[in-house]
């Protein structure tokens, strides 16, 4: 008699780094035992909003978004996207300074993104913002519909193709402020699954990440289909930025970075309550 498998609904972004990370799980490259994984690909702000309702058992979330879902989710110790002296960027049509951004209208990819939290830590309330899909922001800046744009994902490598100028790299700014990497995204697992299932699913996620790192060309070929406007070289560069040793485990320094980010967000009044970070694995 065939054992009925436990379905795990997974949400992640349609980006090369997430695709690379989940390649082994999505394409049956590893044995998953009693669990069967089904994948939904949506932008990170949509996943943040869905996590508020606990819709998915395992989901990519922004570390900022995690501050609002600690009652439902814990953070997997693997699956991190860390910006080690790099990260989301603010770009404009002109070579501005950070002070030039004050009072300006900036297109942002969502209020629960870590990019937005870092921008609030930098500028406080001294800017206007409009929320737009992350993959439209470069065009909005180029077309002069906004003064500047807060860009995530592959836009960090392609903004210059549209004649735009870097104002500030939030990951570099954060490192100068704290000496720590900027923890951008993570995978959150729902607590109501129980500790045993949380541990096993996290182990399988780590195995999937390790498979991608061990079979880089194969995983990269799969990931390339999600590399909007990225050639193989840039896709490889982008994956290397966000799938690496940090992704296998946050480590002590990564955990410190998460705690520091969320504490500063609370101290500045951006996050309403202190955040108790719970890691699995």
Protein backbone atom coordinates (compact mmCIF):
# COMPACT_ATOMS: atom_id res chain seq x y z
CA UNK A 1 0.00 0.00 0.00
CA UNK A 2 1.44 3.36 -1.07
CA UNK A 3 1.93 5.81 1.77
CA UNK A 4 0.14 9.11 1.30
CA UNK A 5 2.70 11.89 1.20
CA UNK A 6 2.39 15.07 3.23
CA UNK A 7 2.00 18.05 0.92
CA UNK A 8 4.24 21.06 1.59
CA UNK A 9 3.20 24.22 -0.23
CA UNK A 10 6.31 26.29 -0.99
CA UNK A 11 6.41 29.92 -2.08
CA UNK A 12 9.46 31.66 -3.53
CA UNK A 13 10.34 34.44 -5.92
CA UNK A 14 10.67 33.89 -9.70
CA UNK A 15 14.35 34.84 -9.55
CA UNK A 16 17.55 33.03 -10.44
CA UNK A 17 18.79 32.76 -6.85
CA UNK A 18 15.56 31.24 -5.50
CA UNK A 19 15.23 28.96 -8.55
CA UNK A 20 18.81 27.79 -8.02
CA UNK A 21 18.12 27.13 -4.35
CA UNK A 22 14.94 25.13 -4.99
CA UNK A 23 16.08 23.34 -8.17
CA UNK A 24 16.62 19.97 -6.48
CA UNK A 25 13.23 20.07 -4.73
CA UNK A 26 11.34 21.35 -7.77
CA UNK A 27 12.86 18.82 -10.16
CA UNK A 28 12.98 15.68 -8.00
CA UNK A 29 16.76 15.60 -7.69
CA UNK A 30 16.70 14.49 -4.05
CA UNK A 31 14.66 11.97 -2.11
CA UNK A 32 12.04 13.76 0.00
CA UNK A 33 10.66 10.83 1.98
CA UNK A 34 7.14 11.38 3.25
CA UNK A 35 6.96 14.94 1.92
CA UNK A 36 5.79 16.17 -1.46
CA UNK A 37 6.63 19.77 -2.38
CA UNK A 38 4.53 21.97 -4.63
CA UNK A 39 5.93 25.33 -5.71
CA UNK A 40 4.25 28.71 -6.16
CA UNK A 41 6.35 31.50 -7.69
CA UNK A 42 5.36 35.04 -6.69
CA UNK A 43 7.13 38.32 -6.00
CA UNK A 44 8.49 38.72 -2.49
CA UNK A 45 6.02 41.39 -1.36
CA UNK A 46 3.10 39.13 -2.34
CA UNK A 47 4.71 36.30 -0.37
CA UNK A 48 5.18 38.62 2.61
CA UNK A 49 1.48 39.48 2.51
CA UNK A 50 0.47 35.81 2.20
CA UNK A 51 2.69 34.94 5.17
CA UNK A 52 0.66 37.34 7.32
CA UNK A 53 -2.22 34.87 6.81
CA UNK A 54 -0.06 31.75 7.20
CA UNK A 55 -1.08 30.47 3.77
CA UNK A 56 2.07 28.46 2.88
CA UNK A 57 3.91 25.87 4.95
CA UNK A 58 7.33 27.00 3.67
CA UNK A 59 7.81 30.43 2.15
CA UNK A 60 10.43 32.95 1.23
CA UNK A 61 9.99 36.12 3.28
CA UNK A 62 11.79 39.38 3.74
CA UNK A 63 13.47 39.67 7.13
CA UNK A 64 11.41 42.84 7.56
CA UNK A 65 8.25 40.88 6.80
CA UNK A 66 9.26 38.23 9.34
CA UNK A 67 8.87 40.81 12.12
CA UNK A 68 5.08 40.53 11.64
CA UNK A 69 4.70 36.73 11.46
CA UNK A 70 6.67 35.41 14.44
CA UNK A 71 3.48 33.97 15.93
CA UNK A 72 3.03 31.67 12.91
CA UNK A 73 6.52 31.08 11.51
CA UNK A 74 10.11 30.32 12.48
CA UNK A 75 13.13 31.03 10.27
CA UNK A 76 14.98 28.15 8.62
CA UNK A 77 18.69 28.34 9.46
CA UNK A 78 19.35 27.71 5.76
CA UNK A 79 18.00 29.62 2.76
CA UNK A 80 19.24 33.09 3.64
CA UNK A 81 19.87 35.83 1.09
CA UNK A 82 22.57 37.99 2.64
CA UNK A 83 24.04 41.16 1.17
CA UNK A 84 27.67 41.11 2.25
CA UNK A 85 28.68 44.75 1.51
CA UNK A 86 26.07 44.83 -1.28
CA UNK A 87 22.30 44.71 -1.53
CA UNK A 88 19.28 46.75 -2.62
CA UNK A 89 20.20 50.03 -4.31
CA UNK A 90 18.69 53.45 -4.79
CA UNK A 91 19.25 54.67 -8.35
CA UNK A 92 18.38 57.92 -10.08
CA UNK A 93 18.85 59.59 -13.45
CA UNK A 94 21.52 61.89 -12.03
CA UNK A 95 24.57 61.36 -9.83
CA UNK A 96 22.92 62.37 -6.57
CA UNK A 97 24.16 62.22 -2.99
CA UNK A 98 22.11 60.57 -0.24
CA UNK A 99 20.95 64.01 0.95
CA UNK A 100 19.58 64.70 -2.53
CA UNK A 101 17.01 61.93 -1.90
CA UNK A 102 15.38 63.82 0.97
CA UNK A 103 11.91 65.02 0.02
CA UNK A 104 11.99 63.09 -3.24
CA UNK A 105 9.52 60.46 -4.49
CA UNK A 106 11.10 57.01 -4.57
CA UNK A 107 9.53 53.94 -6.17
CA UNK A 108 9.79 50.97 -3.77
CA UNK A 109 9.01 47.25 -4.21
CA UNK A 110 6.87 46.90 -1.08
CA UNK A 111 6.59 48.13 2.51
CA UNK A 112 7.45 44.74 4.03
CA UNK A 113 10.66 44.29 2.04
CA UNK A 114 13.96 44.54 3.85
CA UNK A 115 14.98 47.02 1.17
CA UNK A 116 12.24 49.39 2.38
CA UNK A 117 13.21 48.87 6.03
CA UNK A 118 16.83 49.74 5.23
CA UNK A 119 15.75 52.85 3.31
CA UNK A 120 13.65 53.96 6.31
CA UNK A 121 16.65 53.41 8.58
CA UNK A 122 18.70 55.60 6.24
CA UNK A 123 16.24 58.44 5.51
CA UNK A 124 13.62 58.20 8.25
CA UNK A 125 10.37 59.76 7.07
CA UNK A 126 12.18 62.31 4.90
CA UNK A 127 11.00 60.94 1.54
CA UNK A 128 7.82 60.13 -0.36
CA UNK A 129 7.30 56.68 -1.82
CA UNK A 130 5.15 54.82 -4.30
CA UNK A 131 4.80 51.02 -4.27
CA UNK A 132 5.37 49.35 -7.65
CA UNK A 133 6.23 45.83 -8.87
CA UNK A 134 9.97 45.38 -8.46
CA UNK A 135 10.53 44.68 -12.16
CA UNK A 136 8.92 47.97 -13.26
CA UNK A 137 10.96 50.31 -11.07
CA UNK A 138 13.93 50.88 -13.39
CA UNK A 139 11.58 51.84 -16.23
CA UNK A 140 9.68 54.26 -13.98
CA UNK A 141 12.90 56.04 -13.04
CA UNK A 142 14.13 56.12 -16.63
CA UNK A 143 10.77 57.51 -17.83
CA UNK A 144 10.87 60.26 -15.16
CA UNK A 145 7.68 59.06 -13.46
CA UNK A 146 9.50 59.03 -10.11
CA UNK A 147 12.63 60.76 -8.84
CA UNK A 148 14.48 57.59 -7.84
CA UNK A 149 13.97 53.86 -7.43
CA UNK A 150 14.75 51.30 -4.75
CA UNK A 151 15.82 48.24 -6.72
CA UNK A 152 16.13 44.59 -5.72
CA UNK A 153 16.97 41.37 -7.54
CA UNK A 154 18.71 41.50 -10.91
CA UNK A 155 18.19 45.25 -11.30
CA UNK A 156 21.28 45.57 -9.10
CA UNK A 157 23.32 44.34 -12.08
CA UNK A 158 21.41 45.97 -14.95
CA UNK A 159 20.48 49.53 -13.88
CA UNK A 160 23.44 50.99 -15.78
CA UNK A 161 22.04 49.58 -19.04
CA UNK A 162 19.28 52.19 -18.74
CA UNK A 163 21.66 55.04 -18.07
CA UNK A 164 20.81 55.24 -14.38
CA UNK A 165 23.22 56.20 -11.60
CA UNK A 166 23.79 54.57 -8.24
CA UNK A 167 22.98 56.86 -5.29
CA UNK A 168 23.49 54.38 -2.45
CA UNK A 169 24.00 50.64 -2.08
CA UNK A 170 22.05 49.75 1.07
CA UNK A 171 24.23 46.71 1.80
CA UNK A 172 27.39 48.79 1.70
CA UNK A 173 25.78 51.52 3.84
CA UNK A 174 24.60 48.92 6.37
CA UNK A 175 28.08 47.39 6.58
CA UNK A 176 29.61 50.79 7.23
CA UNK A 177 27.04 51.37 9.99
CA UNK A 178 27.24 47.98 11.69
CA UNK A 179 30.14 45.92 10.31
CA UNK A 180 27.56 43.23 9.46
CA UNK A 181 26.05 41.80 6.28
CA UNK A 182 22.52 42.95 5.45
CA UNK A 183 20.08 40.02 5.91
CA UNK A 184 17.56 40.45 3.12
CA UNK A 185 15.51 37.31 2.75
CA UNK A 186 14.96 33.99 4.46
CA UNK A 187 12.74 30.94 4.31
CA UNK A 188 10.08 30.74 6.99
CA UNK A 189 8.44 27.51 8.09
CA UNK A 190 5.05 27.31 9.75
CA UNK A 191 5.15 26.36 13.41
CA UNK A 192 1.90 24.39 13.40
CA UNK A 193 3.65 21.62 11.43
CA UNK A 194 5.33 20.58 14.68
CA UNK A 195 9.02 20.45 15.54
CA UNK A 196 9.78 17.12 13.85
CA UNK A 197 8.32 18.20 10.50
CA UNK A 198 9.95 21.64 10.76
CA UNK A 199 13.34 20.01 11.32
CA UNK A 200 12.96 17.52 8.46
CA UNK A 201 11.66 20.05 5.91
CA UNK A 202 14.48 22.42 6.83
CA UNK A 203 16.96 19.55 6.35
CA UNK A 204 15.53 18.87 2.88
CA UNK A 205 15.77 22.56 1.99
CA UNK A 206 19.43 22.58 3.01
CA UNK A 207 20.00 19.44 0.94
CA UNK A 208 18.44 21.19 -2.07
CA UNK A 209 20.72 24.21 -1.63
CA UNK A 210 23.78 21.96 -1.29
CA UNK A 211 22.76 20.06 -4.44
CA UNK A 212 22.65 23.31 -6.40
CA UNK A 213 26.07 24.36 -5.14
CA UNK A 214 27.50 20.90 -5.93
CA UNK A 215 25.88 20.80 -9.40
CA UNK A 216 26.26 24.47 -10.29
CA UNK A 217 25.99 24.31 -14.09
CA UNK A 218 22.88 22.14 -13.98
CA UNK A 219 21.17 24.30 -11.36
CA UNK A 220 22.20 27.49 -13.15
CA UNK A 221 20.71 26.25 -16.42
CA UNK A 222 17.38 25.78 -14.61
CA UNK A 223 17.69 29.17 -12.89
CA UNK A 224 18.44 31.01 -16.14
CA UNK A 225 14.79 30.81 -17.23
CA UNK A 226 14.02 33.26 -14.42
CA UNK A 227 16.89 35.64 -15.20
CA UNK A 228 15.06 38.57 -16.73
CA UNK A 229 17.52 40.29 -19.10
CA UNK A 230 20.48 38.44 -17.58
CA UNK A 231 22.94 36.56 -19.75
CA UNK A 232 24.60 33.44 -18.34
CA UNK A 233 27.55 35.37 -16.93
CA UNK A 234 25.39 37.88 -15.07
CA UNK A 235 23.00 35.16 -13.89
CA UNK A 236 25.97 33.25 -12.50
CA UNK A 237 27.20 36.42 -10.79
CA UNK A 238 23.76 37.13 -9.33
CA UNK A 239 23.34 33.58 -8.02
CA UNK A 240 26.80 33.78 -6.46
CA UNK A 241 25.81 36.96 -4.64
CA UNK A 242 22.79 35.37 -2.94
CA UNK A 243 23.38 31.59 -2.86
CA UNK A 244 26.60 30.86 -0.98
CA UNK A 245 27.89 29.82 2.44
CA UNK A 246 25.45 32.24 4.10
CA UNK A 247 22.63 30.30 2.40
CA UNK A 248 23.69 26.97 3.88
CA UNK A 249 23.53 28.47 7.37
CA UNK A 250 23.12 31.97 8.78
CA UNK A 251 25.93 31.22 11.23
CA UNK A 252 26.56 33.29 14.34
CA UNK A 253 27.34 36.47 12.38
CA UNK A 254 24.26 36.10 10.21
CA UNK A 255 22.06 35.58 13.26
CA UNK A 256 23.61 38.67 14.82
CA UNK A 257 22.85 40.61 11.64
CA UNK A 258 19.18 39.57 11.76
CA UNK A 259 18.83 40.55 15.42
CA UNK A 260 20.60 43.87 14.84
CA UNK A 261 18.45 44.77 11.83
CA UNK A 262 15.17 44.02 13.59
CA UNK A 263 16.26 45.71 16.81
CA UNK A 264 17.21 48.89 14.96
CA UNK A 265 13.90 48.77 13.08
CA UNK A 266 12.08 48.62 16.42
CA UNK A 267 14.22 51.33 18.04
CA UNK A 268 13.48 53.68 15.12
CA UNK A 269 9.73 53.04 15.41
CA UNK A 270 9.49 51.34 12.00
CA UNK A 271 8.68 47.90 13.47
CA UNK A 272 5.96 48.17 16.15
CA UNK A 273 7.13 45.44 18.55
CA UNK A 274 10.44 43.85 19.62
CA UNK A 275 11.12 40.74 17.54
CA UNK A 276 12.10 37.40 19.08
CA UNK A 277 13.87 35.56 16.25
CA UNK A 278 13.40 31.78 16.24
CA UNK A 279 15.65 29.64 14.02
CA UNK A 280 15.06 26.02 12.97
CA UNK A 281 17.97 23.73 12.07
